Amino acid sequence: MTTHTHTLQTPCSHGGRTRRSSADTFGRLLRTLALWHERARQRRALAVLPDELLKDIGVSRADAMREAGKPFWKA
């Protein structure tokens, strides 16, 4: 089932640009928070994987720890 969302945009007097609705802005904020939460969860999981599983996925312990040490907001 496909769901279509429509955003309400209000014309601005700034060269024809449009202003995002507060609902659209709130939706973007929620998606960003969800992405950050998932990224943090995955990095915590990566940090505790045993060396054998890291080897299976082709990641060294050093690479895993480097990735796990990144802040949640960095890709």
Protein backbone atom coordinates (compact mmCIF):
# COMPACT_ATOMS: atom_id res chain seq x y z
CA MET A 1 0.00 0.00 0.00
CA THR A 2 1.45 3.35 -1.00
CA THR A 3 0.86 6.38 1.16
CA HIS A 4 1.25 9.83 -0.29
CA THR A 5 1.85 12.82 1.91
CA HIS A 6 1.25 16.35 0.82
CA THR A 7 3.01 19.28 2.38
CA LEU A 8 1.47 22.66 2.62
CA GLN A 9 3.82 25.31 1.40
CA THR A 10 3.17 28.98 1.62
CA PRO A 11 4.67 31.31 -0.97
CA CYS A 12 7.10 33.81 0.48
CA SER A 13 8.10 37.18 -0.82
CA HIS A 14 11.72 36.00 -1.11
CA GLY A 15 12.20 35.32 -4.80
CA GLY A 16 9.40 32.79 -5.16
CA ARG A 17 10.73 30.38 -2.54
CA THR A 18 8.28 28.50 -0.40
CA ARG A 19 8.17 28.10 3.36
CA ARG A 20 7.78 24.61 4.80
CA SER A 21 4.80 23.98 7.00
CA SER A 22 5.38 23.33 10.69
CA ALA A 23 4.06 19.77 10.20
CA ASP A 24 6.69 19.14 7.52
CA THR A 25 9.42 20.58 9.73
CA PHE A 26 8.26 18.45 12.68
CA GLY A 27 8.24 15.35 10.46
CA ARG A 28 11.80 16.05 9.34
CA LEU A 29 12.83 16.48 12.97
CA LEU A 30 11.27 13.14 13.93
CA ARG A 31 12.99 11.36 11.04
CA THR A 32 16.33 12.87 12.04
CA LEU A 33 15.88 11.80 15.66
CA ALA A 34 14.93 8.28 14.54
CA LEU A 35 18.03 8.12 12.32
CA TRP A 36 20.26 9.27 15.17
CA HIS A 37 18.72 6.75 17.54
CA GLU A 38 19.21 3.89 15.07
CA ARG A 39 22.77 4.96 14.29
CA ALA A 40 23.64 4.98 18.01
CA ARG A 41 22.02 1.55 18.48
CA GLN A 42 23.99 0.06 15.59
CA ARG A 43 27.26 1.51 16.83
CA ARG A 44 26.69 0.06 20.31
CA ALA A 45 25.96 -3.34 18.74
CA LEU A 46 29.05 -3.15 16.55
CA ALA A 47 31.24 -2.38 19.57
CA VAL A 48 30.30 -5.62 21.32
CA LEU A 49 30.50 -8.02 18.36
CA PRO A 50 33.06 -10.78 18.89
CA ASP A 51 36.15 -10.77 16.68
CA GLU A 52 34.90 -13.85 14.77
CA LEU A 53 31.75 -12.03 13.64
CA LEU A 54 33.69 -8.90 12.76
CA LYS A 55 35.98 -11.04 10.63
CA ASP A 56 32.91 -12.55 8.92
CA ILE A 57 31.72 -9.12 7.85
CA GLY A 58 35.22 -7.94 6.91
CA VAL A 59 35.67 -5.36 9.67
CA SER A 60 38.72 -5.16 11.91
CA ARG A 61 38.38 -4.58 15.65
CA ALA A 62 40.11 -1.20 15.20
CA ASP A 63 37.64 -0.17 12.48
CA ALA A 64 34.70 -1.32 14.59
CA MET A 65 35.88 0.67 17.59
CA ARG A 66 36.55 3.74 15.45
CA GLU A 67 33.00 3.56 14.06
CA ALA A 68 31.51 2.86 17.49
CA GLY A 69 33.31 5.87 18.90
CA LYS A 70 31.71 8.33 16.50
CA PRO A 71 29.00 10.64 17.81
CA PHE A 72 25.48 9.63 16.79
CA TRP A 73 25.01 12.72 14.63
CA LYS A 74 27.99 11.95 12.37
CA ALA A 75 27.55 9.69 9.38
